[in-house]
């Protein structure tokens, strides 16, 4: 392998690694928001909690015009967080259906 080929290979690997790191960082944006949501919803059973966070994710994606939550850009994080917590605020206290049915 010549020096030029080696340099080209290094650049290619570097570009691939940087792209992977950027993708992980973008996913990290949603993960931080989701973690906050899950803390606020920890009283819910896991399936209901998943459904609510998934629904909020869908609303964020449609509002911001992105096809996947992993494509959340740095400049969209604050808006996504505001959307998520406004939805929780609008929901108000969320009881489990069993608790409501039993009159608790």
C-alpha atoms as a PDB file:
ATOM      1  CA  UNK A   1       0.000   0.000   0.000  1.00  0.00           C
ATOM      2  CA  UNK A   2       1.427   3.348  -1.006  1.00  0.00           C
ATOM      3  CA  UNK A   3       1.522   6.378   1.248  1.00  0.00           C
ATOM      4  CA  UNK A   4      -1.194   8.013  -0.829  1.00  0.00           C
ATOM      5  CA  UNK A   5      -3.439   4.942  -0.530  1.00  0.00           C
ATOM      6  CA  UNK A   6      -2.798   4.764   3.202  1.00  0.00           C
ATOM      7  CA  UNK A   7      -3.629   8.458   3.605  1.00  0.00           C
ATOM      8  CA  UNK A   8      -6.841   7.985   1.588  1.00  0.00           C
ATOM      9  CA  UNK A   9      -7.818   4.988   3.717  1.00  0.00           C
ATOM     10  CA  UNK A  10      -7.193   6.953   6.916  1.00  0.00           C
ATOM     11  CA  UNK A  11      -9.366   9.811   5.665  1.00  0.00           C
ATOM     12  CA  UNK A  12     -12.145   7.403   4.726  1.00  0.00           C
ATOM     13  CA  UNK A  13     -12.058   5.727   8.148  1.00  0.00           C
ATOM     14  CA  UNK A  14     -11.960   9.098   9.865  1.00  0.00           C
ATOM     15  CA  UNK A  15     -15.028  10.278   7.939  1.00  0.00           C
ATOM     16  CA  UNK A  16     -16.927   7.085   8.806  1.00  0.00           C
ATOM     17  CA  UNK A  17     -16.055   7.362  12.498  1.00  0.00           C
ATOM     18  CA  UNK A  18     -17.026  11.031  12.658  1.00  0.00           C
ATOM     19  CA  UNK A  19     -20.359  10.282  10.968  1.00  0.00           C
ATOM     20  CA  UNK A  20     -21.032   7.520  13.490  1.00  0.00           C
ATOM     21  CA  UNK A  21     -20.143   9.773  16.425  1.00  0.00           C
ATOM     22  CA  UNK A  22     -22.416  12.539  15.107  1.00  0.00           C
ATOM     23  CA  UNK A  23     -25.272  10.069  14.760  1.00  0.00           C
ATOM     24  CA  UNK A  24     -24.782   8.877  18.340  1.00  0.00           C
ATOM     25  CA  UNK A  25     -24.773  12.487  19.564  1.00  0.00           C
ATOM     26  CA  UNK A  26     -28.041  13.214  17.770  1.00  0.00           C
ATOM     27  CA  UNK A  27     -29.649  10.120  19.262  1.00  0.00           C
ATOM     28  CA  UNK A  28     -28.316  11.354  22.586  1.00  0.00           C
ATOM     29  CA  UNK A  29     -30.481  14.461  22.253  1.00  0.00           C
ATOM     30  CA  UNK A  30     -33.660  12.374  22.281  1.00  0.00           C
ATOM     31  CA  UNK A  31     -32.273  10.030  24.938  1.00  0.00           C
ATOM     32  CA  UNK A  32     -31.797  12.938  27.333  1.00  0.00           C
ATOM     33  CA  UNK A  33     -35.337  14.204  26.709  1.00  0.00           C
ATOM     34  CA  UNK A  34     -36.787  10.697  26.966  1.00  0.00           C
ATOM     35  CA  UNK A  35     -34.958  10.092  30.251  1.00  0.00           C
ATOM     36  CA  UNK A  36     -36.519  13.261  31.695  1.00  0.00           C
ATOM     37  CA  UNK A  37     -39.953  12.184  30.448  1.00  0.00           C
ATOM     38  CA  UNK A  38     -39.599   8.728  31.941  1.00  0.00           C
ATOM     39  CA  UNK A  39     -38.694  10.211  35.329  1.00  0.00           C
ATOM     40  CA  UNK A  40     -41.880  12.283  35.247  1.00  0.00           C
ATOM     41  CA  UNK A  41     -43.874   9.208  34.208  1.00  0.00           C
ATOM     42  CA  UNK A  42     -42.233   6.667  36.501  1.00  0.00           C
ATOM     43  CA  UNK A  43     -45.526   6.030  38.307  1.00  0.00           C
ATOM     44  CA  UNK A  44     -46.989   4.560  35.097  1.00  0.00           C
ATOM     45  CA  UNK A  45     -46.587   0.947  34.138  1.00  0.00           C
ATOM     46  CA  UNK A  46     -43.763   0.445  31.614  1.00  0.00           C
ATOM     47  CA  UNK A  47     -46.043  -0.214  28.635  1.00  0.00           C
ATOM     48  CA  UNK A  48     -48.112   2.946  29.192  1.00  0.00           C
ATOM     49  CA  UNK A  49     -44.927   4.955  29.755  1.00  0.00           C
ATOM     50  CA  UNK A  50     -43.534   3.633  26.457  1.00  0.00           C
ATOM     51  CA  UNK A  51     -46.763   4.540  24.640  1.00  0.00           C
ATOM     52  CA  UNK A  52     -46.735   8.101  25.968  1.00  0.00           C
ATOM     53  CA  UNK A  53     -43.053   8.698  25.169  1.00  0.00           C
ATOM     54  CA  UNK A  54     -43.535   7.187  21.725  1.00  0.00           C
ATOM     55  CA  UNK A  55     -46.529   9.437  21.052  1.00  0.00           C
ATOM     56  CA  UNK A  56     -44.584  12.496  22.207  1.00  0.00           C
ATOM     57  CA  UNK A  57     -41.696  11.474  19.956  1.00  0.00           C
ATOM     58  CA  UNK A  58     -44.095  11.268  17.000  1.00  0.00           C
ATOM     59  CA  UNK A  59     -45.516  14.727  17.716  1.00  0.00           C
ATOM     60  CA  UNK A  60     -42.010  16.183  17.990  1.00  0.00           C
ATOM     61  CA  UNK A  61     -40.967  14.579  14.696  1.00  0.00           C
ATOM     62  CA  UNK A  62     -44.013  15.877  12.850  1.00  0.00           C
ATOM     63  CA  UNK A  63     -43.787  19.346  14.392  1.00  0.00           C
ATOM     64  CA  UNK A  64     -40.107  19.725  13.526  1.00  0.00           C
ATOM     65  CA  UNK A  65     -40.417  18.047  10.141  1.00  0.00           C
ATOM     66  CA  UNK A  66     -37.921  15.255  10.761  1.00  0.00           C
ATOM     67  CA  UNK A  67     -38.390  11.656   9.690  1.00  0.00           C
ATOM     68  CA  UNK A  68     -36.643  10.086  12.668  1.00  0.00           C
ATOM     69  CA  UNK A  69     -36.088  11.288  16.206  1.00  0.00           C
ATOM     70  CA  UNK A  70     -32.383  10.474  15.750  1.00  0.00           C
ATOM     71  CA  UNK A  71     -32.271  13.351  13.243  1.00  0.00           C
ATOM     72  CA  UNK A  72     -32.984  15.877  15.964  1.00  0.00           C
ATOM     73  CA  UNK A  73     -30.488  18.682  15.382  1.00  0.00           C
ATOM     74  CA  UNK A  74     -28.687  20.708  18.034  1.00  0.00           C
ATOM     75  CA  UNK A  75     -30.794  23.785  17.294  1.00  0.00           C
ATOM     76  CA  UNK A  76     -34.031  21.780  17.668  1.00  0.00           C
ATOM     77  CA  UNK A  77     -33.375  20.275  21.093  1.00  0.00           C
ATOM     78  CA  UNK A  78     -34.811  23.133  23.156  1.00  0.00           C
ATOM     79  CA  UNK A  79     -37.980  23.247  21.065  1.00  0.00           C
ATOM     80  CA  UNK A  80     -38.355  19.456  21.270  1.00  0.00           C
ATOM     81  CA  UNK A  81     -37.965  19.587  25.049  1.00  0.00           C
ATOM     82  CA  UNK A  82     -40.571  22.380  25.297  1.00  0.00           C
ATOM     83  CA  UNK A  83     -43.008  20.405  23.141  1.00  0.00           C
ATOM     84  CA  UNK A  84     -42.528  17.276  25.257  1.00  0.00           C
ATOM     85  CA  UNK A  85     -43.100  18.980  28.571  1.00  0.00           C
ATOM     86  CA  UNK A  86     -45.994  21.118  27.328  1.00  0.00           C
ATOM     87  CA  UNK A  87     -47.713  17.868  26.374  1.00  0.00           C
ATOM     88  CA  UNK A  88     -47.099  16.449  29.845  1.00  0.00           C
ATOM     89  CA  UNK A  89     -48.373  19.672  31.360  1.00  0.00           C
ATOM     90  CA  UNK A  90     -51.515  19.520  29.212  1.00  0.00           C
ATOM     91  CA  UNK A  91     -52.064  15.895  30.246  1.00  0.00           C
ATOM     92  CA  UNK A  92     -52.088  16.887  33.899  1.00  0.00           C
ATOM     93  CA  UNK A  93     -51.852  14.199  36.550  1.00  0.00           C
ATOM     94  CA  UNK A  94     -52.066  10.816  34.904  1.00  0.00           C
ATOM     95  CA  UNK A  95     -53.555   7.992  36.906  1.00  0.00           C
ATOM     96  CA  UNK A  96     -53.453   4.379  35.941  1.00  0.00           C
ATOM     97  CA  UNK A  97     -56.883   3.172  34.747  1.00  0.00           C
ATOM     98  CA  UNK A  98     -57.027   0.586  37.544  1.00  0.00           C
ATOM     99  CA  UNK A  99     -56.666   3.321  40.150  1.00  0.00           C
ATOM    100  CA  UNK A 100     -59.475   5.376  38.580  1.00  0.00           C
ATOM    101  CA  UNK A 101     -61.774   2.344  38.292  1.00  0.00           C
ATOM    102  CA  UNK A 102     -61.317   1.462  41.958  1.00  0.00           C
ATOM    103  CA  UNK A 103     -62.038   5.042  43.031  1.00  0.00           C
ATOM    104  CA  UNK A 104     -58.551   5.862  44.309  1.00  0.00           C
END
